[in-house]
Amino acid sequence: MDTVRLSNNVSRLWDDEVVPRLAEYIRIPNTSPMFDPDWEVHGHMGAAV
């Protein structure tokens, strides 16, 4: 197993695929029903899932 190549591929995948998706996910203003009584109306939980 070429560990240097593996590490480079994992780093590239993390930077190119995972980080952008996480950034997109945390933009959704989804809050707990305890903090947003109208959470169903706002629909953020559906967007987050």
Protein backbone atom coordinates (compact mmCIF):
# COMPACT_ATOMS: atom_id res chain seq x y z
CA MET A 1 0.00 0.00 0.00
CA ASP A 2 1.33 3.41 -0.97
CA THR A 3 0.53 5.42 2.16
CA VAL A 4 1.71 8.73 0.70
CA ARG A 5 -0.59 8.36 -2.29
CA LEU A 6 -3.43 7.24 -0.02
CA SER A 7 -2.92 10.24 2.26
CA ASN A 8 -2.88 12.61 -0.71
CA ASN A 9 -6.10 11.12 -2.09
CA VAL A 10 -7.87 11.32 1.27
CA SER A 11 -6.73 14.93 1.75
CA ARG A 12 -7.93 15.88 -1.73
CA LEU A 13 -11.26 14.14 -1.21
CA TRP A 14 -11.71 15.86 2.16
CA ASP A 15 -10.92 19.30 0.74
CA ASP A 16 -12.85 18.91 -2.52
CA GLU A 17 -15.90 16.94 -1.39
CA VAL A 18 -16.43 16.89 2.36
CA VAL A 19 -15.62 20.48 3.37
CA PRO A 20 -17.89 22.12 0.75
CA ARG A 21 -20.81 19.85 1.72
CA LEU A 22 -20.33 20.56 5.41
CA ALA A 23 -20.21 24.29 4.70
CA GLU A 24 -23.44 24.02 2.70
CA TYR A 25 -25.08 22.01 5.49
CA ILE A 26 -24.25 24.45 8.29
CA ARG A 27 -25.74 27.35 6.30
CA ILE A 28 -29.20 25.86 6.93
CA PRO A 29 -30.64 27.72 9.94
CA ASN A 30 -32.12 24.56 11.44
CA THR A 31 -32.75 24.81 15.18
CA SER A 32 -34.27 22.60 17.81
CA PRO A 33 -38.06 22.80 18.19
CA MET A 34 -37.36 24.17 21.68
CA PHE A 35 -35.77 27.27 20.09
CA ASP A 36 -38.12 27.66 17.13
CA PRO A 37 -41.79 27.00 17.91
CA ASP A 38 -42.63 27.36 14.19
CA TRP A 39 -39.99 24.90 13.05
CA GLU A 40 -42.45 22.90 10.93
CA VAL A 41 -43.60 26.03 9.09
CA HIS A 42 -40.02 27.13 8.42
CA GLY A 43 -39.11 23.72 6.95
CA HIS A 44 -35.40 23.93 7.74
CA MET A 45 -35.28 20.47 9.29
CA GLY A 46 -36.47 18.94 6.02
CA ALA A 47 -33.76 20.80 4.13
CA ALA A 48 -31.13 19.60 6.58
CA VAL A 49 -32.12 15.96 6.18
